Amino acid sequence: MATLVFLEHHGSELLKGGLGVLSKAASLGDDVSGIVIGSGVRGLADEAGKFGAARVYVADDAQLEAPLPQPRVDVLAQLVRDKGADTILFANSVLAADTAAGLAARLDAGLNWDLVDIARNDGKLVGTRPALQDSVYVEVGWTSQPRIALFRTGSFDPVASGGAAETEDVPVQLEDFSTGARMVEQAHAESEGPSIEEADVVVAGGRGLGGPENFTLVEGLAKALGGAVGATRAVVDAGWYPYSTQVGQTGKTVSPKLYVACGISGAIQHKVGMQGSGVIVAINKDPNAPIFDFSDLGVVGDVHQIVPKLTELVEQRKGQ
């Protein structure tokens, strides 16, 4: 089976999500290719080969510089028709979601959304997706080809296999209507650490911090751990912290190796955005807070006392 993985990039780096999907696809034993689309992106092909791609298609053109979905749909649709890929995989992002949906419409293909796993069962590909506010997992499939899948953020870790990929340039022929939109302005949130979607560690704060001024505690611990800062919807709605950090049903879904919840009660809307984390540590003065029901480690106490001490201990350990 021929599988194609959409490899999104930011600047000169391929995003971890796409590399994780690439590694997963390679583990299934398929003939796996990656595709990098953009302007000045030829140098990214070698990295993809290290994570399981047998070949990497490169669509490098000035018309593809802006991260707009429609031109990417054009490139992908033509490549699928020319090369015969029967499965196209995406790691979730705003661009990937728009592109996957557009490609499904263009190819009249089935799209399974928000998957967290994929496997082969009796020779057929089967996806796993959360349902009912992530309280259960269901298996889903496709009734026709090509199959398109969009995976939840952090579903797979990149696994370097040390291989090398063949590189092949693909022609860029855009439909007239695909060039009608243009990027007017693009801004990136300033952050000293990794993005919340890519971070291995996320330290998040809730209303239990007491006020926006106390988010310095969360920021300090996140910096000490080399992680990113997250926030609950209540905090964002109150204007304490920017929406770009919101974790939950109406924010971002994260799956770090470590998630530290500071002063967060654990409402279901927040839970669905972080329960896929490897280890969840909760700090809350209320012993009956719902978050303790799904935490790996719970600390009952005042975040204003515990978090500074924890940050101090982490810094001491790093200095040894």
Protein backbone atom coordinates (compact mmCIF):
# COMPACT_ATOMS: atom_id res chain seq x y z
CA MET A 1 0.00 0.00 0.00
CA ALA A 2 1.25 3.49 -0.83
CA THR A 3 0.95 6.04 1.96
CA LEU A 4 1.60 9.77 1.65
CA VAL A 5 2.23 11.94 4.72
CA PHE A 6 1.76 15.72 4.64
CA LEU A 7 4.81 17.25 6.35
CA GLU A 8 4.10 20.73 7.60
CA HIS A 9 6.96 23.02 8.48
CA HIS A 10 7.62 26.21 10.36
CA GLY A 11 10.53 28.11 8.89
CA SER A 12 13.40 25.68 8.42
CA GLU A 13 12.00 22.91 10.65
CA LEU A 14 9.52 20.13 10.02
CA LEU A 15 6.86 20.03 12.73
CA LYS A 16 7.01 17.20 15.24
CA GLY A 17 3.42 16.16 14.60
CA GLY A 18 4.03 15.28 10.97
CA LEU A 19 7.23 13.40 11.78
CA GLY A 20 5.32 11.38 14.37
CA VAL A 21 2.68 10.43 11.81
CA LEU A 22 5.46 9.55 9.37
CA SER A 23 7.06 7.24 11.94
CA LYS A 24 3.73 5.55 12.65
CA ALA A 25 3.04 4.99 8.96
CA ALA A 26 6.49 3.47 8.50
CA SER A 27 5.89 1.09 11.43
CA LEU A 28 2.90 -0.38 9.56
CA GLY A 29 5.24 -1.61 6.86
CA ASP A 30 3.73 0.44 4.08
CA ASP A 31 5.54 2.11 1.21
CA VAL A 32 5.67 5.55 2.84
CA SER A 33 6.39 8.88 1.20
CA GLY A 34 6.34 12.37 2.61
CA ILE A 35 5.57 15.63 0.88
CA VAL A 36 6.93 19.05 1.77
CA ILE A 37 5.16 22.05 0.24
CA GLY A 38 6.35 25.64 0.38
CA SER A 39 8.98 28.04 -0.87
CA GLY A 40 12.65 27.31 -0.21
CA VAL A 41 11.90 23.94 1.38
CA ARG A 42 14.20 21.55 -0.48
CA GLY A 43 16.56 21.37 2.48
CA LEU A 44 13.86 19.75 4.63
CA ALA A 45 13.69 16.52 2.63
CA ASP A 46 16.73 14.91 4.26
CA GLU A 47 15.23 15.19 7.74
CA ALA A 48 12.08 13.36 6.66
CA GLY A 49 14.17 10.42 5.50
CA LYS A 50 15.44 9.91 9.03
CA PHE A 51 11.89 9.22 10.27
CA GLY A 52 10.81 6.50 7.88
CA ALA A 53 10.08 8.09 4.50
CA ALA A 54 11.33 6.04 1.56
CA ARG A 55 10.96 9.09 -0.64
CA VAL A 56 10.09 12.73 -0.17
CA TYR A 57 8.22 14.75 -2.76
CA VAL A 58 9.10 18.43 -2.79
CA ALA A 59 6.81 21.14 -4.14
CA ASP A 60 9.01 24.22 -3.99
CA ASP A 61 7.56 27.34 -5.57
CA ALA A 62 7.20 31.01 -4.67
CA GLN A 63 3.42 30.66 -5.12
CA LEU A 64 3.42 28.30 -2.12
CA GLU A 65 5.18 30.59 0.33
CA ALA A 66 2.01 31.61 2.20
CA PRO A 67 0.47 28.85 4.36
CA LEU A 68 -2.83 28.74 2.46
CA PRO A 69 -4.73 25.47 2.01
CA GLN A 70 -6.11 25.71 -1.51
CA PRO A 71 -2.76 25.70 -3.37
CA ARG A 72 -1.74 22.70 -1.25
CA VAL A 73 -4.92 20.90 -2.23
CA ASP A 74 -3.98 21.43 -5.89
CA VAL A 75 -0.49 20.00 -5.40
CA LEU A 76 -1.66 17.02 -3.34
CA ALA A 77 -4.55 16.13 -5.63
CA GLN A 78 -2.31 16.07 -8.68
CA LEU A 79 0.34 14.03 -6.88
CA VAL A 80 -2.20 11.45 -5.69
CA ARG A 81 -3.55 11.09 -9.22
CA ASP A 82 -0.05 10.77 -10.71
CA LYS A 83 1.47 8.43 -8.12
CA GLY A 84 -1.57 6.50 -6.95
CA ALA A 85 -1.32 6.96 -3.19
CA ASP A 86 -4.19 5.15 -1.49
CA THR A 87 -3.74 6.68 1.98
CA ILE A 88 -2.97 10.32 2.84
CA LEU A 89 -2.19 11.20 6.45
CA PHE A 90 -2.10 14.57 8.23
CA ALA A 91 -1.09 15.72 11.71
CA ASN A 92 -3.66 18.20 12.98
CA SER A 93 -3.16 21.94 12.61
CA VAL A 94 -5.28 24.74 11.20
CA LEU A 95 -3.55 24.43 7.83
CA ALA A 96 -3.62 20.62 7.82
CA ALA A 97 -7.31 20.46 8.74
CA ASP A 98 -8.30 22.85 5.96
CA THR A 99 -6.07 21.07 3.46
CA ALA A 100 -7.32 17.58 4.40
CA ALA A 101 -10.95 18.67 4.07
CA GLY A 102 -10.31 20.34 0.72
CA LEU A 103 -8.45 17.30 -0.58
CA ALA A 104 -11.26 14.96 0.48
CA ALA A 105 -13.76 17.11 -1.42
CA ARG A 106 -11.52 17.32 -4.50
CA LEU A 107 -10.90 13.55 -4.65
CA ASP A 108 -14.35 12.52 -3.43
CA ALA A 109 -12.54 10.61 -0.70
CA GLY A 110 -13.41 9.55 2.83
CA LEU A 111 -11.91 11.58 5.67
CA ASN A 112 -11.63 10.35 9.26
CA TRP A 113 -11.00 13.18 11.69
CA ASP A 114 -9.43 13.43 15.17
CA LEU A 115 -7.81 10.00 15.11
CA VAL A 116 -5.37 9.01 17.86
CA ASP A 117 -4.17 5.73 16.35
CA ILE A 118 -4.18 3.65 13.20
CA ALA A 119 -3.52 -0.05 12.71
CA ARG A 120 -4.05 -2.87 10.27
CA ASN A 121 -6.78 -5.38 11.14
CA ASP A 122 -7.11 -8.40 8.83
CA GLY A 123 -5.40 -6.43 6.12
CA LYS A 124 -7.63 -3.37 6.47
CA LEU A 125 -6.62 -0.03 7.92
CA VAL A 126 -8.59 0.85 11.05
CA GLY A 127 -8.44 4.18 12.87
CA THR A 128 -9.14 4.87 16.53
CA ARG A 129 -11.00 8.01 17.53
CA PRO A 130 -12.26 9.36 20.88
CA ALA A 131 -16.01 9.86 21.25
CA LEU A 132 -18.52 11.11 23.82
CA GLN A 133 -16.18 13.81 25.14
CA ASP A 134 -13.25 11.38 25.10
CA SER A 135 -14.95 8.96 27.49
CA VAL A 136 -14.74 6.06 25.00
CA TYR A 137 -12.73 5.10 21.93
CA VAL A 138 -14.26 3.81 18.73
CA GLU A 139 -12.78 2.14 15.67
CA VAL A 140 -13.49 3.68 12.28
CA GLY A 141 -12.66 2.68 8.74
CA TRP A 142 -12.98 3.73 5.11
CA THR A 143 -15.25 2.33 2.44
CA SER A 144 -13.23 3.51 -0.54
CA GLN A 145 -9.85 4.83 -1.64
CA PRO A 146 -8.03 7.07 -1.30
CA ARG A 147 -8.31 7.16 2.46
CA ILE A 148 -7.58 10.43 4.27
CA ALA A 149 -6.90 10.72 7.99
CA LEU A 150 -6.25 13.65 10.31
CA PHE A 151 -4.59 12.79 13.63
CA ARG A 152 -5.02 14.58 16.92
CA THR A 153 -2.06 16.65 18.09
CA GLY A 154 0.59 14.56 19.84
CA SER A 155 -0.81 11.18 18.82
CA PHE A 156 2.63 9.80 17.89
CA ASP A 157 6.20 10.54 18.87
CA PRO A 158 8.75 10.84 16.06
CA VAL A 159 11.04 7.81 15.95
CA ALA A 160 14.28 8.30 14.05
CA SER A 161 15.18 5.24 12.00
CA GLY A 162 18.35 6.71 10.56
CA GLY A 163 17.36 6.06 6.97
CA ALA A 164 17.67 8.21 3.90
CA ALA A 165 14.97 9.14 1.44
CA GLU A 166 14.93 9.64 -2.28
CA THR A 167 13.91 13.15 -3.27
CA GLU A 168 11.65 14.00 -6.17
CA ASP A 169 10.46 17.42 -7.27
CA VAL A 170 6.80 17.67 -8.20
CA PRO A 171 5.34 20.20 -10.63
CA VAL A 172 3.28 23.05 -9.26
CA GLN A 173 0.21 23.80 -11.38
CA LEU A 174 -2.39 25.81 -9.52
CA GLU A 175 -6.01 26.29 -10.47
CA ASP A 176 -7.04 29.87 -11.22
CA PHE A 177 -9.33 30.03 -8.21
CA SER A 178 -6.53 28.79 -5.93
CA THR A 179 -4.53 31.97 -6.42
CA GLY A 180 -7.40 34.30 -5.54
CA ALA A 181 -6.63 34.40 -1.83
CA ARG A 182 -3.52 36.02 -0.44
CA MET A 183 -1.97 36.23 3.00
CA VAL A 184 -2.38 39.81 4.19
CA GLU A 185 -0.54 39.42 7.46
CA GLN A 186 0.88 36.59 9.52
CA ALA A 187 1.87 36.96 13.15
CA HIS A 188 3.40 34.49 15.56
CA ALA A 189 2.97 34.65 19.32
CA GLU A 190 6.23 35.49 21.01
CA SER A 191 7.42 32.73 23.31
CA GLU A 192 10.71 31.93 24.97
CA GLY A 193 9.99 28.21 25.02
CA PRO A 194 8.44 25.65 22.67
CA SER A 195 4.93 25.99 21.31
CA ILE A 196 2.21 24.44 23.43
CA GLU A 197 1.38 21.88 20.72
CA GLU A 198 5.00 20.73 20.33
CA ALA A 199 6.18 20.88 23.96
CA ASP A 200 7.09 17.74 25.91
CA VAL A 201 6.13 19.57 29.11
CA VAL A 202 3.12 21.84 29.65
CA VAL A 203 2.52 23.74 32.89
CA ALA A 204 -1.01 25.14 32.98
CA GLY A 205 -2.73 27.55 35.33
CA GLY A 206 -6.35 27.96 36.36
CA ARG A 207 -8.50 30.30 38.42
CA GLY A 208 -6.97 28.82 41.55
CA LEU A 209 -3.93 31.01 40.94
CA GLY A 210 -6.02 33.93 42.17
CA GLY A 211 -5.10 36.52 39.57
CA PRO A 212 -3.10 37.21 36.39
CA GLU A 213 -0.10 38.42 38.38
CA ASN A 214 0.38 34.92 39.75
CA PHE A 215 0.94 33.41 36.32
CA THR A 216 4.60 34.25 36.88
CA LEU A 217 4.62 31.13 39.08
CA VAL A 218 3.47 28.99 36.17
CA GLU A 219 5.87 30.67 33.77
CA GLY A 220 8.78 30.10 36.15
CA LEU A 221 8.08 26.39 36.51
CA ALA A 222 7.54 25.98 32.78
CA LYS A 223 10.86 27.67 32.06
CA ALA A 224 12.67 25.51 34.61
CA LEU A 225 11.23 22.36 33.03
CA GLY A 226 11.85 23.55 29.47
CA GLY A 227 8.13 23.52 28.75
CA ALA A 228 5.26 25.68 27.56
CA VAL A 229 2.56 27.55 29.48
CA GLY A 230 -1.11 26.61 29.20
CA ALA A 231 -4.30 28.09 30.61
CA THR A 232 -7.93 27.15 31.20
CA ARG A 233 -10.88 28.73 29.45
CA ALA A 234 -11.93 30.50 32.66
CA VAL A 235 -8.53 32.16 32.85
CA VAL A 236 -8.62 33.22 29.20
CA ASP A 237 -12.20 34.51 29.48
CA ALA A 238 -11.14 36.57 32.49
CA GLY A 239 -8.37 38.17 30.44
CA TRP A 240 -5.57 36.76 32.56
CA TYR A 241 -3.75 34.97 29.74
CA PRO A 242 -3.96 34.88 25.92
CA TYR A 243 -6.27 32.55 24.03
CA SER A 244 -3.31 31.02 22.18
CA THR A 245 -2.50 29.11 25.38
CA GLN A 246 -6.01 27.81 26.09
CA VAL A 247 -6.22 24.06 26.58
CA GLY A 248 -9.57 22.31 26.31
CA GLN A 249 -12.62 21.68 24.21
CA THR A 250 -12.72 25.23 22.80
CA GLY A 251 -8.95 25.63 22.80
CA LYS A 252 -6.05 23.37 21.94
CA THR A 253 -5.58 19.67 22.48
CA VAL A 254 -2.16 18.77 23.84
CA SER A 255 -0.42 15.47 24.59
CA PRO A 256 2.86 16.29 26.32
CA LYS A 257 4.91 13.75 28.22
CA LEU A 258 4.25 15.78 31.40
CA TYR A 259 1.28 18.03 32.18
CA VAL A 260 1.34 20.03 35.42
CA ALA A 261 -2.03 21.55 36.37
CA CYS A 262 -1.77 24.41 38.85
CA GLY A 263 -4.98 25.57 40.49
CA ILE A 264 -7.17 23.82 37.91
CA SER A 265 -10.38 22.15 39.06
CA GLY A 266 -10.61 19.73 36.13
CA ALA A 267 -13.84 20.54 34.30
CA ILE A 268 -14.70 18.15 31.48
CA GLN A 269 -14.11 20.91 28.91
CA HIS A 270 -10.50 21.17 30.09
CA LYS A 271 -10.04 17.43 30.52
CA VAL A 272 -10.72 16.64 26.86
CA GLY A 273 -7.84 18.90 25.84
CA MET A 274 -5.13 17.32 27.99
CA GLN A 275 -6.10 13.84 29.13
CA GLY A 276 -3.88 12.28 26.48
CA SER A 277 -0.80 13.53 28.36
CA GLY A 278 1.74 10.94 29.45
CA VAL A 279 1.86 11.93 33.12
CA ILE A 280 -0.58 14.37 34.73
CA VAL A 281 0.38 16.14 37.96
CA ALA A 282 -2.29 18.23 39.69
CA ILE A 283 -1.78 20.84 42.41
CA ASN A 284 -4.97 22.09 44.05
CA LYS A 285 -5.99 23.04 47.58
CA ASP A 286 -9.39 21.38 47.18
CA PRO A 287 -9.04 17.62 47.86
CA ASN A 288 -12.34 17.02 46.08
CA ALA A 289 -11.35 18.74 42.84
CA PRO A 290 -12.35 16.55 39.84
CA ILE A 291 -8.87 16.79 38.37
CA PHE A 292 -7.56 14.39 41.00
CA ASP A 293 -9.80 11.69 39.51
CA PHE A 294 -7.68 11.49 36.35
CA SER A 295 -4.26 12.63 37.61
CA ASP A 296 -1.29 10.33 37.99
CA LEU A 297 -0.03 12.39 40.93
CA GLY A 298 -2.09 14.74 43.04
CA VAL A 299 -0.77 17.33 45.47
CA VAL A 300 -3.28 18.89 47.86
CA GLY A 301 -2.01 22.29 48.86
CA ASP A 302 -1.58 25.96 48.04
CA VAL A 303 -0.12 26.52 44.57
CA HIS A 304 1.39 29.80 45.77
CA GLN A 305 3.61 27.85 48.15
CA ILE A 306 4.14 24.60 46.27
CA VAL A 307 4.96 25.88 42.78
CA PRO A 308 7.81 28.23 43.85
CA LYS A 309 9.32 25.44 45.94
CA LEU A 310 8.98 22.97 43.08
CA THR A 311 10.62 25.43 40.69
CA GLU A 312 13.47 25.92 43.15
CA LEU A 313 14.02 22.17 43.46
CA VAL A 314 14.01 21.72 39.67
CA GLU A 315 16.58 24.50 39.28
CA GLN A 316 18.75 22.93 41.98
CA ARG A 317 18.59 19.54 40.29
CA LYS A 318 19.52 21.07 36.94
CA GLY A 319 22.52 22.74 38.55
CA GLN A 320 23.96 19.51 39.92
